[in-house]
């Protein structure tokens, strides 16, 4: 389970579907079955991040960052729930920023 839920809007057949993504397996399913753009580096990094997290090579919660980047790149509207593990705002923000940088570093190394 991720410490924050990603609520994402996906369009299909003239309707908007809202999905609450709470885990790496849900993100992988969304990327493989519902994603509007299945190309580009952010999409590929999100797939690799999910694969690495599901196989234990990357902490599960770090797979959320490339997923968010892929959503941003695809032009999807998304929002994040409050961090369920952090109560102090500053601690939450610095934890989020450092985790995102770490995930990017790991995935760039895998994608080269």
Protein backbone atom coordinates (compact mmCIF):
# COMPACT_ATOMS: atom_id res chain seq x y z
CA UNK A 1 0.00 0.00 0.00
CA UNK A 2 1.16 3.50 -0.78
CA UNK A 3 1.16 6.16 1.94
CA UNK A 4 -0.88 8.43 -0.36
CA UNK A 5 -3.71 7.58 -2.74
CA UNK A 6 -3.47 8.94 -6.29
CA UNK A 7 -6.92 9.85 -7.59
CA UNK A 8 -6.73 9.99 -11.37
CA UNK A 9 -9.20 10.82 -14.12
CA UNK A 10 -9.09 8.59 -17.20
CA UNK A 11 -11.16 9.26 -20.30
CA UNK A 12 -12.70 6.51 -22.34
CA UNK A 13 -15.58 6.31 -24.80
CA UNK A 14 -16.82 9.80 -24.05
CA UNK A 15 -16.84 9.37 -20.26
CA UNK A 16 -14.43 10.15 -17.46
CA UNK A 17 -13.54 7.36 -15.07
CA UNK A 18 -12.11 8.26 -11.69
CA UNK A 19 -9.67 5.73 -10.26
CA UNK A 20 -8.19 5.68 -6.77
CA UNK A 21 -4.75 4.09 -7.05
CA UNK A 22 -3.53 2.90 -3.64
CA UNK A 23 -0.79 0.42 -4.51
CA UNK A 24 1.80 -0.58 -7.06
CA UNK A 25 -0.33 -3.45 -8.35
CA UNK A 26 -3.24 -1.06 -8.95
CA UNK A 27 -0.86 1.35 -10.72
CA UNK A 28 0.52 -1.43 -12.92
CA UNK A 29 -3.00 -2.53 -13.87
CA UNK A 30 -3.94 1.06 -14.70
CA UNK A 31 -0.80 1.58 -16.81
CA UNK A 32 -1.24 -1.66 -18.73
CA UNK A 33 -5.02 -1.64 -19.21
CA UNK A 34 -6.27 1.96 -19.08
CA UNK A 35 -3.41 4.33 -19.87
CA UNK A 36 -4.02 6.68 -22.81
CA UNK A 37 -0.34 6.91 -23.87
CA UNK A 38 1.83 3.79 -23.94
CA UNK A 39 5.07 5.37 -25.06
CA UNK A 40 7.63 7.90 -23.85
CA UNK A 41 10.17 7.82 -21.07
CA UNK A 42 7.79 8.69 -18.19
CA UNK A 43 5.47 5.81 -19.16
CA UNK A 44 8.40 3.41 -19.47
CA UNK A 45 9.85 4.52 -16.13
CA UNK A 46 6.45 4.02 -14.48
CA UNK A 47 6.27 0.46 -15.88
CA UNK A 48 9.85 -0.24 -14.74
CA UNK A 49 9.13 1.27 -11.32
CA UNK A 50 6.08 -0.98 -10.90
CA UNK A 51 8.02 -4.04 -12.02
CA UNK A 52 10.89 -3.28 -9.64
CA UNK A 53 8.54 -2.66 -6.70
CA UNK A 54 6.49 -5.78 -7.38
CA UNK A 55 9.66 -7.88 -7.53
CA UNK A 56 11.07 -6.33 -4.34
CA UNK A 57 13.90 -4.38 -6.02
CA UNK A 58 12.39 -0.99 -5.09
CA UNK A 59 10.35 -0.02 -2.04
CA UNK A 60 6.66 -0.20 -2.94
CA UNK A 61 5.91 3.40 -2.04
CA UNK A 62 8.58 4.72 -4.44
CA UNK A 63 6.72 3.36 -7.47
CA UNK A 64 4.17 6.15 -6.96
CA UNK A 65 6.54 8.88 -8.16
CA UNK A 66 7.15 7.63 -11.72
CA UNK A 67 3.41 6.84 -11.91
CA UNK A 68 2.62 10.48 -11.09
CA UNK A 69 5.22 11.68 -13.60
CA UNK A 70 3.66 9.51 -16.31
CA UNK A 71 0.21 10.91 -15.46
CA UNK A 72 1.54 14.45 -15.71
CA UNK A 73 3.21 13.66 -19.07
CA UNK A 74 -0.01 12.09 -20.40
CA UNK A 75 -1.95 15.24 -19.46
CA UNK A 76 -4.14 13.41 -16.94
CA UNK A 77 -5.77 15.17 -14.03
CA UNK A 78 -4.78 13.67 -10.69
CA UNK A 79 -4.64 14.54 -7.02
CA UNK A 80 -3.00 13.09 -3.91
CA UNK A 81 -4.58 12.24 -0.60
CA UNK A 82 -2.89 13.47 2.57
CA UNK A 83 0.07 11.37 3.70
CA UNK A 84 -1.35 8.73 6.05
CA UNK A 85 2.04 8.13 7.68
CA UNK A 86 3.06 11.73 8.39
CA UNK A 87 1.35 14.28 10.61
CA UNK A 88 3.91 17.06 10.54
CA UNK A 89 3.65 19.02 7.26
CA UNK A 90 7.36 19.86 6.97
CA UNK A 91 8.40 16.27 7.66
CA UNK A 92 5.88 15.08 5.09
CA UNK A 93 7.16 17.51 2.44
CA UNK A 94 10.84 16.67 2.91
CA UNK A 95 10.09 12.94 2.98
CA UNK A 96 8.11 13.29 -0.24
CA UNK A 97 10.83 15.30 -2.00
CA UNK A 98 13.66 12.98 -0.99
CA UNK A 99 11.70 9.85 -1.91
CA UNK A 100 10.90 11.30 -5.33
CA UNK A 101 14.56 12.15 -5.98
CA UNK A 102 15.64 8.67 -4.87
CA UNK A 103 13.08 6.97 -7.14
CA UNK A 104 14.20 9.10 -10.09
CA UNK A 105 17.86 8.23 -9.42
CA UNK A 106 17.14 4.49 -9.23
CA UNK A 107 14.97 4.45 -12.36
CA UNK A 108 17.37 6.49 -14.45
CA UNK A 109 20.07 3.94 -13.61
CA UNK A 110 17.79 1.10 -14.76
CA UNK A 111 16.68 2.82 -17.95
CA UNK A 112 20.13 3.66 -19.36
